[in-house]
């Protein structure tokens, strides 16, 4: 069943409380815990070229994030996957989509009432950005990723994203697309909203997971694909000076999947062979996906 909202075009469908709504329904109020106490987590999957790579782990992760925030959603991963497969049928099969399962606390004071967890699924038309081909620019950010003692860094939690927004705004105000964020002790963590890789002398390096940034599903997939293809991938503590001397730099994330960094601070870069290989491997994996 679809319920029309004030949206003028059917570019979004939202499932909530057993029904599909066209557009952006009003489902929260000022007393909703997810609004005023920020107990909201989400995840993001993609439909691209008719396929939904790693859909199941994306759906599973939103439930893991909810648990880390003290929430106990009653829905299962299999049920979320089934809803996604139902929802994408509402769109032209050629359209690229962003698939966003959300869980938030319905009530509580400081900590949410675990059993008040609410589930929402939002699916929207979202083209793959041009950065996948043209690349993106980045600068060293003055904002850092938080430590796991100071924020729920293991969850994909909405409360972490205002800091991401600060880093992006700082970068765009300076004429760049995104920032390179360090961890609390000054090592490279990630781009503002994507995991970071660089290549030097044929070896790929990426910051080791240390609890200050999310171990992205696309990150994990690209590491596996490159290693299976014979490329050495080293997860380690990375210094910013290593980025400045890198042969290639690229990012991974659900938004653009794999994209080259074509400028770091005042240094121009070119998309290199390892970056292109990572892109080709990921697209081949997507084409072979069951969904």
C-alpha atoms as a PDB file:
ATOM      1  CA  UNK A   1       0.000   0.000   0.000  1.00  0.00           C
ATOM      2  CA  UNK A   2       1.354   3.472  -0.838  1.00  0.00           C
ATOM      3  CA  UNK A   3       0.532   6.689   0.957  1.00  0.00           C
ATOM      4  CA  UNK A   4       1.244   9.913  -0.937  1.00  0.00           C
ATOM      5  CA  UNK A   5       3.159  12.686   0.805  1.00  0.00           C
ATOM      6  CA  UNK A   6       3.921  16.231  -0.311  1.00  0.00           C
ATOM      7  CA  UNK A   7       6.826  14.947  -2.432  1.00  0.00           C
ATOM      8  CA  UNK A   8       6.173  15.822  -6.094  1.00  0.00           C
ATOM      9  CA  UNK A   9       8.027  12.874  -7.627  1.00  0.00           C
ATOM     10  CA  UNK A  10       8.142   9.191  -6.603  1.00  0.00           C
ATOM     11  CA  UNK A  11      11.902   9.053  -6.097  1.00  0.00           C
ATOM     12  CA  UNK A  12      11.672   7.638  -2.553  1.00  0.00           C
ATOM     13  CA  UNK A  13       9.692   4.869  -0.888  1.00  0.00           C
ATOM     14  CA  UNK A  14       9.728   4.365   2.876  1.00  0.00           C
ATOM     15  CA  UNK A  15       8.566   1.330   4.829  1.00  0.00           C
ATOM     16  CA  UNK A  16       7.383   1.932   8.393  1.00  0.00           C
ATOM     17  CA  UNK A  17       5.120   0.019  10.754  1.00  0.00           C
ATOM     18  CA  UNK A  18       3.997  -2.497   8.160  1.00  0.00           C
ATOM     19  CA  UNK A  19       3.276  -0.186   5.218  1.00  0.00           C
ATOM     20  CA  UNK A  20       5.047   1.482   2.290  1.00  0.00           C
ATOM     21  CA  UNK A  21       4.802   5.265   2.026  1.00  0.00           C
ATOM     22  CA  UNK A  22       5.743   7.316  -0.991  1.00  0.00           C
ATOM     23  CA  UNK A  23       8.291   9.975  -0.080  1.00  0.00           C
ATOM     24  CA  UNK A  24       9.360  11.132   3.381  1.00  0.00           C
ATOM     25  CA  UNK A  25       6.615  10.385   5.930  1.00  0.00           C
ATOM     26  CA  UNK A  26       6.448  12.100   9.316  1.00  0.00           C
ATOM     27  CA  UNK A  27       7.312   9.331  11.747  1.00  0.00           C
ATOM     28  CA  UNK A  28       9.113  11.121  14.621  1.00  0.00           C
ATOM     29  CA  UNK A  29       8.153  13.759  17.134  1.00  0.00           C
ATOM     30  CA  UNK A  30      10.053  15.951  19.607  1.00  0.00           C
ATOM     31  CA  UNK A  31       9.731  13.309  22.331  1.00  0.00           C
ATOM     32  CA  UNK A  32      11.063  10.504  20.139  1.00  0.00           C
ATOM     33  CA  UNK A  33      14.322   9.317  21.676  1.00  0.00           C
ATOM     34  CA  UNK A  34      15.974   9.078  18.280  1.00  0.00           C
ATOM     35  CA  UNK A  35      15.365  12.808  17.812  1.00  0.00           C
ATOM     36  CA  UNK A  36      16.262  14.427  21.086  1.00  0.00           C
ATOM     37  CA  UNK A  37      18.742  11.838  22.420  1.00  0.00           C
ATOM     38  CA  UNK A  38      20.166  10.717  19.057  1.00  0.00           C
ATOM     39  CA  UNK A  39      19.715   6.956  19.439  1.00  0.00           C
ATOM     40  CA  UNK A  40      19.567   6.507  15.671  1.00  0.00           C
ATOM     41  CA  UNK A  41      21.660   4.101  13.607  1.00  0.00           C
ATOM     42  CA  UNK A  42      21.517   3.351   9.913  1.00  0.00           C
ATOM     43  CA  UNK A  43      23.232   1.533   7.104  1.00  0.00           C
ATOM     44  CA  UNK A  44      23.523   1.983   3.375  1.00  0.00           C
ATOM     45  CA  UNK A  45      23.445  -0.484   0.513  1.00  0.00           C
ATOM     46  CA  UNK A  46      23.328   0.137  -3.221  1.00  0.00           C
ATOM     47  CA  UNK A  47      21.460  -1.158  -6.212  1.00  0.00           C
ATOM     48  CA  UNK A  48      23.712  -0.574  -9.200  1.00  0.00           C
ATOM     49  CA  UNK A  49      23.377  -2.152 -12.635  1.00  0.00           C
ATOM     50  CA  UNK A  50      20.472  -4.147 -11.250  1.00  0.00           C
ATOM     51  CA  UNK A  51      22.588  -5.749  -8.513  1.00  0.00           C
ATOM     52  CA  UNK A  52      22.748  -5.203  -4.742  1.00  0.00           C
ATOM     53  CA  UNK A  53      26.292  -6.211  -3.681  1.00  0.00           C
ATOM     54  CA  UNK A  54      26.735  -7.302  -0.054  1.00  0.00           C
ATOM     55  CA  UNK A  55      23.081  -6.574   0.715  1.00  0.00           C
ATOM     56  CA  UNK A  56      22.862  -9.161   3.502  1.00  0.00           C
ATOM     57  CA  UNK A  57      25.859  -7.881   5.527  1.00  0.00           C
ATOM     58  CA  UNK A  58      24.577  -4.297   5.205  1.00  0.00           C
ATOM     59  CA  UNK A  59      21.217  -5.371   6.626  1.00  0.00           C
ATOM     60  CA  UNK A  60      22.908  -7.379   9.353  1.00  0.00           C
ATOM     61  CA  UNK A  61      25.136  -4.476  10.331  1.00  0.00           C
ATOM     62  CA  UNK A  62      22.265  -2.107  11.073  1.00  0.00           C
ATOM     63  CA  UNK A  63      21.037  -4.579  13.674  1.00  0.00           C
ATOM     64  CA  UNK A  64      24.529  -4.868  15.143  1.00  0.00           C
ATOM     65  CA  UNK A  65      24.753  -1.066  15.301  1.00  0.00           C
ATOM     66  CA  UNK A  66      21.385  -0.974  17.058  1.00  0.00           C
ATOM     67  CA  UNK A  67      22.574  -3.441  19.671  1.00  0.00           C
ATOM     68  CA  UNK A  68      25.688  -1.349  20.282  1.00  0.00           C
ATOM     69  CA  UNK A  69      23.392   1.639  20.931  1.00  0.00           C
ATOM     70  CA  UNK A  70      21.376  -0.338  23.487  1.00  0.00           C
ATOM     71  CA  UNK A  71      18.435  -1.090  21.197  1.00  0.00           C
ATOM     72  CA  UNK A  72      16.695  -4.419  20.643  1.00  0.00           C
ATOM     73  CA  UNK A  73      14.864  -4.325  17.304  1.00  0.00           C
ATOM     74  CA  UNK A  74      12.450  -7.204  16.775  1.00  0.00           C
ATOM     75  CA  UNK A  75      13.068  -7.458  13.026  1.00  0.00           C
ATOM     76  CA  UNK A  76      15.599  -9.963  11.647  1.00  0.00           C
ATOM     77  CA  UNK A  77      18.209  -9.618   8.925  1.00  0.00           C
ATOM     78  CA  UNK A  78      16.272 -11.962   6.649  1.00  0.00           C
ATOM     79  CA  UNK A  79      13.137  -9.857   7.115  1.00  0.00           C
ATOM     80  CA  UNK A  80      15.015  -6.658   6.221  1.00  0.00           C
ATOM     81  CA  UNK A  81      16.444  -8.291   3.092  1.00  0.00           C
ATOM     82  CA  UNK A  82      12.947  -9.404   2.069  1.00  0.00           C
ATOM     83  CA  UNK A  83      11.604  -5.866   2.547  1.00  0.00           C
ATOM     84  CA  UNK A  84      14.440  -4.464   0.428  1.00  0.00           C
ATOM     85  CA  UNK A  85      13.699  -6.909  -2.376  1.00  0.00           C
ATOM     86  CA  UNK A  86      10.042  -5.916  -2.215  1.00  0.00           C
ATOM     87  CA  UNK A  87      10.786  -2.183  -2.110  1.00  0.00           C
ATOM     88  CA  UNK A  88      13.174  -2.053  -5.057  1.00  0.00           C
ATOM     89  CA  UNK A  89      10.410  -3.433  -7.266  1.00  0.00           C
ATOM     90  CA  UNK A  90       8.714  -0.025  -6.969  1.00  0.00           C
ATOM     91  CA  UNK A  91      11.468   1.547  -9.091  1.00  0.00           C
ATOM     92  CA  UNK A  92      12.506   1.293 -12.707  1.00  0.00           C
ATOM     93  CA  UNK A  93      15.029  -1.587 -12.797  1.00  0.00           C
ATOM     94  CA  UNK A  94      17.596   0.622 -14.556  1.00  0.00           C
ATOM     95  CA  UNK A  95      17.749   3.204 -11.748  1.00  0.00           C
ATOM     96  CA  UNK A  96      20.597   3.305  -9.250  1.00  0.00           C
ATOM     97  CA  UNK A  97      19.258   3.221  -5.699  1.00  0.00           C
ATOM     98  CA  UNK A  98      20.417   3.983  -2.178  1.00  0.00           C
ATOM     99  CA  UNK A  99      18.992   1.515   0.355  1.00  0.00           C
ATOM    100  CA  UNK A 100      18.929   2.814   3.917  1.00  0.00           C
ATOM    101  CA  UNK A 101      17.671   0.697   6.841  1.00  0.00           C
ATOM    102  CA  UNK A 102      17.297   2.745  10.037  1.00  0.00           C
ATOM    103  CA  UNK A 103      16.708   1.854  13.706  1.00  0.00           C
ATOM    104  CA  UNK A 104      15.984   4.423  16.405  1.00  0.00           C
ATOM    105  CA  UNK A 105      14.803   4.523  19.991  1.00  0.00           C
ATOM    106  CA  UNK A 106      11.157   5.386  20.480  1.00  0.00           C
ATOM    107  CA  UNK A 107      11.357   6.434  24.101  1.00  0.00           C
ATOM    108  CA  UNK A 108      13.602   6.643  27.136  1.00  0.00           C
ATOM    109  CA  UNK A 109      15.438   9.413  28.923  1.00  0.00           C
ATOM    110  CA  UNK A 110      19.234   9.282  28.594  1.00  0.00           C
ATOM    111  CA  UNK A 111      19.584   5.702  27.419  1.00  0.00           C
ATOM    112  CA  UNK A 112      16.863   4.468  25.091  1.00  0.00           C
ATOM    113  CA  UNK A 113      14.305   1.923  26.217  1.00  0.00           C
ATOM    114  CA  UNK A 114      15.727  -1.139  24.392  1.00  0.00           C
ATOM    115  CA  UNK A 115      12.319  -2.535  23.506  1.00  0.00           C
ATOM    116  CA  UNK A 116      11.149   0.779  22.014  1.00  0.00           C
ATOM    117  CA  UNK A 117      13.364   0.275  18.958  1.00  0.00           C
ATOM    118  CA  UNK A 118      11.648   1.300  15.729  1.00  0.00           C
ATOM    119  CA  UNK A 119      12.652   0.105  12.259  1.00  0.00           C
ATOM    120  CA  UNK A 120      12.393   2.132   9.052  1.00  0.00           C
ATOM    121  CA  UNK A 121      13.530   1.284   5.522  1.00  0.00           C
ATOM    122  CA  UNK A 122      14.087   4.132   3.079  1.00  0.00           C
ATOM    123  CA  UNK A 123      14.910   3.479  -0.591  1.00  0.00           C
ATOM    124  CA  UNK A 124      15.740   6.408  -2.874  1.00  0.00           C
ATOM    125  CA  UNK A 125      16.925   7.057  -6.398  1.00  0.00           C
ATOM    126  CA  UNK A 126      20.611   7.953  -6.113  1.00  0.00           C
ATOM    127  CA  UNK A 127      22.909   7.953  -9.114  1.00  0.00           C
ATOM    128  CA  UNK A 128      26.489   6.766  -8.718  1.00  0.00           C
ATOM    129  CA  UNK A 129      28.488  10.031  -8.441  1.00  0.00           C
ATOM    130  CA  UNK A 130      30.904  11.196 -11.102  1.00  0.00           C
ATOM    131  CA  UNK A 131      33.799  10.799  -8.652  1.00  0.00           C
ATOM    132  CA  UNK A 132      33.971   7.123  -9.540  1.00  0.00           C
ATOM    133  CA  UNK A 133      35.471   8.258 -12.871  1.00  0.00           C
ATOM    134  CA  UNK A 134      36.655  11.836 -12.400  1.00  0.00           C
ATOM    135  CA  UNK A 135      37.975  11.390  -8.868  1.00  0.00           C
ATOM    136  CA  UNK A 136      37.804  13.639  -5.842  1.00  0.00           C
ATOM    137  CA  UNK A 137      40.082  16.088  -4.047  1.00  0.00           C
ATOM    138  CA  UNK A 138      41.050  16.013  -0.375  1.00  0.00           C
ATOM    139  CA  UNK A 139      42.883  18.076   2.206  1.00  0.00           C
ATOM    140  CA  UNK A 140      44.143  17.378   5.687  1.00  0.00           C
ATOM    141  CA  UNK A 141      41.326  18.047   8.120  1.00  0.00           C
ATOM    142  CA  UNK A 142      41.647  19.842  11.427  1.00  0.00           C
ATOM    143  CA  UNK A 143      38.880  17.605  12.812  1.00  0.00           C
ATOM    144  CA  UNK A 144      39.692  14.137  14.111  1.00  0.00           C
ATOM    145  CA  UNK A 145      37.850  10.892  14.517  1.00  0.00           C
ATOM    146  CA  UNK A 146      36.803  10.174  18.130  1.00  0.00           C
ATOM    147  CA  UNK A 147      38.199   7.377  20.255  1.00  0.00           C
ATOM    148  CA  UNK A 148      35.968   4.407  21.168  1.00  0.00           C
ATOM    149  CA  UNK A 149      35.964   5.633  24.777  1.00  0.00           C
ATOM    150  CA  UNK A 150      34.309   8.900  23.735  1.00  0.00           C
ATOM    151  CA  UNK A 151      31.771   7.859  21.079  1.00  0.00           C
ATOM    152  CA  UNK A 152      29.984   4.741  19.722  1.00  0.00           C
ATOM    153  CA  UNK A 153      32.543   4.357  16.943  1.00  0.00           C
ATOM    154  CA  UNK A 154      31.801   0.687  16.241  1.00  0.00           C
ATOM    155  CA  UNK A 155      28.218   1.532  15.243  1.00  0.00           C
ATOM    156  CA  UNK A 156      27.104   3.332  12.112  1.00  0.00           C
ATOM    157  CA  UNK A 157      25.452   5.880  14.361  1.00  0.00           C
ATOM    158  CA  UNK A 158      23.868   9.132  13.205  1.00  0.00           C
ATOM    159  CA  UNK A 159      25.381  10.983  16.169  1.00  0.00           C
ATOM    160  CA  UNK A 160      28.855  10.551  14.641  1.00  0.00           C
ATOM    161  CA  UNK A 161      27.977  12.381  11.447  1.00  0.00           C
ATOM    162  CA  UNK A 162      27.898  16.018  12.614  1.00  0.00           C
ATOM    163  CA  UNK A 163      31.675  15.663  12.997  1.00  0.00           C
ATOM    164  CA  UNK A 164      31.823  14.261   9.464  1.00  0.00           C
ATOM    165  CA  UNK A 165      29.805  17.253   8.304  1.00  0.00           C
ATOM    166  CA  UNK A 166      32.223  19.669   9.957  1.00  0.00           C
ATOM    167  CA  UNK A 167      35.141  18.050   8.159  1.00  0.00           C
ATOM    168  CA  UNK A 168      33.375  18.138   4.794  1.00  0.00           C
ATOM    169  CA  UNK A 169      32.325  21.763   5.230  1.00  0.00           C
ATOM    170  CA  UNK A 170      35.862  22.762   6.148  1.00  0.00           C
ATOM    171  CA  UNK A 171      37.147  21.004   3.025  1.00  0.00           C
ATOM    172  CA  UNK A 172      34.548  22.392   0.634  1.00  0.00           C
ATOM    173  CA  UNK A 173      35.025  25.913   1.985  1.00  0.00           C
ATOM    174  CA  UNK A 174      38.690  25.549   0.993  1.00  0.00           C
ATOM    175  CA  UNK A 175      37.843  24.277  -2.487  1.00  0.00           C
ATOM    176  CA  UNK A 176      38.203  20.529  -1.849  1.00  0.00           C
ATOM    177  CA  UNK A 177      35.673  17.707  -1.885  1.00  0.00           C
ATOM    178  CA  UNK A 178      36.508  16.036   1.402  1.00  0.00           C
ATOM    179  CA  UNK A 179      38.979  15.820   4.260  1.00  0.00           C
ATOM    180  CA  UNK A 180      41.557  13.324   5.441  1.00  0.00           C
ATOM    181  CA  UNK A 181      40.820  12.766   9.116  1.00  0.00           C
ATOM    182  CA  UNK A 182      43.365  11.624  11.658  1.00  0.00           C
ATOM    183  CA  UNK A 183      42.665   9.530  14.729  1.00  0.00           C
ATOM    184  CA  UNK A 184      43.014  10.958  18.262  1.00  0.00           C
ATOM    185  CA  UNK A 185      46.780  10.394  18.366  1.00  0.00           C
ATOM    186  CA  UNK A 186      47.536  11.787  14.904  1.00  0.00           C
ATOM    187  CA  UNK A 187      47.614   8.752  12.622  1.00  0.00           C
ATOM    188  CA  UNK A 188      45.581   8.605   9.411  1.00  0.00           C
ATOM    189  CA  UNK A 189      42.078   7.242   9.984  1.00  0.00           C
ATOM    190  CA  UNK A 190      40.021   7.762   6.822  1.00  0.00           C
ATOM    191  CA  UNK A 191      38.513  10.296   4.466  1.00  0.00           C
ATOM    192  CA  UNK A 192      35.641  12.243   5.980  1.00  0.00           C
ATOM    193  CA  UNK A 193      33.058   9.656   4.911  1.00  0.00           C
ATOM    194  CA  UNK A 194      35.033   6.903   3.152  1.00  0.00           C
ATOM    195  CA  UNK A 195      37.788   4.466   3.950  1.00  0.00           C
ATOM    196  CA  UNK A 196      41.251   5.343   2.663  1.00  0.00           C
ATOM    197  CA  UNK A 197      43.810   3.378   0.660  1.00  0.00           C
ATOM    198  CA  UNK A 198      47.118   4.339  -0.935  1.00  0.00           C
ATOM    199  CA  UNK A 199      49.650   2.550  -3.108  1.00  0.00           C
ATOM    200  CA  UNK A 200      53.434   2.753  -3.046  1.00  0.00           C
ATOM    201  CA  UNK A 201      55.757   0.702  -5.257  1.00  0.00           C
ATOM    202  CA  UNK A 202      52.999  -1.762  -6.115  1.00  0.00           C
ATOM    203  CA  UNK A 203      51.854  -2.419  -2.536  1.00  0.00           C
ATOM    204  CA  UNK A 204      48.517  -1.168  -1.206  1.00  0.00           C
ATOM    205  CA  UNK A 205      48.282   0.218   2.315  1.00  0.00           C
ATOM    206  CA  UNK A 206      45.245   1.103   4.405  1.00  0.00           C
ATOM    207  CA  UNK A 207      44.926   2.212   8.040  1.00  0.00           C
ATOM    208  CA  UNK A 208      44.496  -0.704  10.420  1.00  0.00           C
ATOM    209  CA  UNK A 209      41.179  -0.848  12.222  1.00  0.00           C
ATOM    210  CA  UNK A 210      41.757   0.686  15.663  1.00  0.00           C
ATOM    211  CA  UNK A 211      38.251   1.481  16.861  1.00  0.00           C
ATOM    212  CA  UNK A 212      38.189   5.106  15.702  1.00  0.00           C
ATOM    213  CA  UNK A 213      36.520   4.553  12.314  1.00  0.00           C
ATOM    214  CA  UNK A 214      34.182   2.036  10.754  1.00  0.00           C
ATOM    215  CA  UNK A 215      35.555  -1.049   9.044  1.00  0.00           C
ATOM    216  CA  UNK A 216      33.501  -0.496   5.911  1.00  0.00           C
ATOM    217  CA  UNK A 217      31.955  -3.400   4.059  1.00  0.00           C
ATOM    218  CA  UNK A 218      33.241  -2.058   0.738  1.00  0.00           C
ATOM    219  CA  UNK A 219      36.668  -1.675   2.375  1.00  0.00           C
ATOM    220  CA  UNK A 220      36.613  -5.325   3.420  1.00  0.00           C
ATOM    221  CA  UNK A 221      35.431  -6.441   0.000  1.00  0.00           C
ATOM    222  CA  UNK A 222      38.119  -4.475  -1.875  1.00  0.00           C
ATOM    223  CA  UNK A 223      40.871  -5.837   0.390  1.00  0.00           C
ATOM    224  CA  UNK A 224      39.691  -9.390  -0.310  1.00  0.00           C
ATOM    225  CA  UNK A 225      39.389  -8.819  -4.055  1.00  0.00           C
ATOM    226  CA  UNK A 226      42.841  -7.261  -4.367  1.00  0.00           C
ATOM    227  CA  UNK A 227      44.499 -10.008  -2.331  1.00  0.00           C
ATOM    228  CA  UNK A 228      42.784 -12.694  -4.375  1.00  0.00           C
ATOM    229  CA  UNK A 229      44.119 -10.934  -7.465  1.00  0.00           C
ATOM    230  CA  UNK A 230      47.677 -11.141  -6.163  1.00  0.00           C
ATOM    231  CA  UNK A 231      48.058  -7.572  -4.904  1.00  0.00           C
ATOM    232  CA  UNK A 232      49.734  -7.197  -1.509  1.00  0.00           C
ATOM    233  CA  UNK A 233      47.483  -5.240   0.859  1.00  0.00           C
ATOM    234  CA  UNK A 234      48.952  -4.146   4.197  1.00  0.00           C
ATOM    235  CA  UNK A 235      46.760  -2.925   7.062  1.00  0.00           C
ATOM    236  CA  UNK A 236      48.925  -0.838   9.365  1.00  0.00           C
ATOM    237  CA  UNK A 237      49.338   2.407  11.277  1.00  0.00           C
ATOM    238  CA  UNK A 238      49.722   5.090   8.605  1.00  0.00           C
ATOM    239  CA  UNK A 239      51.337   8.508   8.898  1.00  0.00           C
ATOM    240  CA  UNK A 240      50.136  11.496   6.911  1.00  0.00           C
ATOM    241  CA  UNK A 241      53.618  11.839   5.433  1.00  0.00           C
ATOM    242  CA  UNK A 242      53.102   8.453   3.743  1.00  0.00           C
ATOM    243  CA  UNK A 243      50.050   9.815   1.950  1.00  0.00           C
ATOM    244  CA  UNK A 244      52.045  12.787   0.755  1.00  0.00           C
ATOM    245  CA  UNK A 245      54.571  10.415  -0.859  1.00  0.00           C
ATOM    246  CA  UNK A 246      52.045   7.879  -2.232  1.00  0.00           C
ATOM    247  CA  UNK A 247      51.923   6.841  -5.887  1.00  0.00           C
ATOM    248  CA  UNK A 248      48.131   6.526  -5.808  1.00  0.00           C
ATOM    249  CA  UNK A 249      45.367   7.270  -3.300  1.00  0.00           C
ATOM    250  CA  UNK A 250      41.788   6.032  -3.479  1.00  0.00           C
ATOM    251  CA  UNK A 251      38.714   5.759  -1.300  1.00  0.00           C
ATOM    252  CA  UNK A 252      36.061   3.098  -0.773  1.00  0.00           C
ATOM    253  CA  UNK A 253      32.546   3.510   0.502  1.00  0.00           C
ATOM    254  CA  UNK A 254      28.943   2.775  -0.254  1.00  0.00           C
ATOM    255  CA  UNK A 255      28.322   6.143  -1.898  1.00  0.00           C
ATOM    256  CA  UNK A 256      30.766   5.803  -4.805  1.00  0.00           C
ATOM    257  CA  UNK A 257      32.204   2.317  -4.086  1.00  0.00           C
ATOM    258  CA  UNK A 258      35.804   2.868  -5.334  1.00  0.00           C
ATOM    259  CA  UNK A 259      37.053   6.274  -6.497  1.00  0.00           C
ATOM    260  CA  UNK A 260      40.478   7.865  -7.068  1.00  0.00           C
ATOM    261  CA  UNK A 261      41.791  10.816  -5.119  1.00  0.00           C
ATOM    262  CA  UNK A 262      43.167  13.195  -7.777  1.00  0.00           C
ATOM    263  CA  UNK A 263      44.507  15.906  -5.481  1.00  0.00           C
ATOM    264  CA  UNK A 264      45.835  15.868  -1.919  1.00  0.00           C
ATOM    265  CA  UNK A 265      46.413  19.321  -0.472  1.00  0.00           C
ATOM    266  CA  UNK A 266      48.496  21.073  -3.155  1.00  0.00           C
ATOM    267  CA  UNK A 267      49.658  17.891  -4.934  1.00  0.00           C
ATOM    268  CA  UNK A 268      47.893  16.662  -8.071  1.00  0.00           C
ATOM    269  CA  UNK A 269      47.557  12.901  -8.586  1.00  0.00           C
ATOM    270  CA  UNK A 270      46.435  10.662 -11.423  1.00  0.00           C
ATOM    271  CA  UNK A 271      44.193   7.597 -11.139  1.00  0.00           C
ATOM    272  CA  UNK A 272      46.741   4.792 -11.240  1.00  0.00           C
ATOM    273  CA  UNK A 273      46.686   1.156 -12.338  1.00  0.00           C
ATOM    274  CA  UNK A 274      45.994  -0.242  -8.873  1.00  0.00           C
ATOM    275  CA  UNK A 275      43.045   2.090  -8.350  1.00  0.00           C
ATOM    276  CA  UNK A 276      41.610   1.117 -11.720  1.00  0.00           C
ATOM    277  CA  UNK A 277      42.200  -2.544 -10.935  1.00  0.00           C
ATOM    278  CA  UNK A 278      40.351  -2.195  -7.641  1.00  0.00           C
ATOM    279  CA  UNK A 279      37.441  -0.570  -9.494  1.00  0.00           C
ATOM    280  CA  UNK A 280      37.374  -3.282 -12.150  1.00  0.00           C
ATOM    281  CA  UNK A 281      37.493  -6.057  -9.565  1.00  0.00           C
ATOM    282  CA  UNK A 282      34.666  -4.518  -7.571  1.00  0.00           C
ATOM    283  CA  UNK A 283      32.467  -4.037 -10.637  1.00  0.00           C
ATOM    284  CA  UNK A 284      33.107  -7.638 -11.692  1.00  0.00           C
ATOM    285  CA  UNK A 285      32.143  -8.775  -8.183  1.00  0.00           C
ATOM    286  CA  UNK A 286      28.960  -6.705  -8.406  1.00  0.00           C
ATOM    287  CA  UNK A 287      28.057  -8.150 -11.805  1.00  0.00           C
ATOM    288  CA  UNK A 288      28.446 -11.665 -10.383  1.00  0.00           C
ATOM    289  CA  UNK A 289      26.297 -10.915  -7.308  1.00  0.00           C
ATOM    290  CA  UNK A 290      23.126 -12.949  -6.911  1.00  0.00           C
ATOM    291  CA  UNK A 291      20.850  -9.963  -6.265  1.00  0.00           C
END
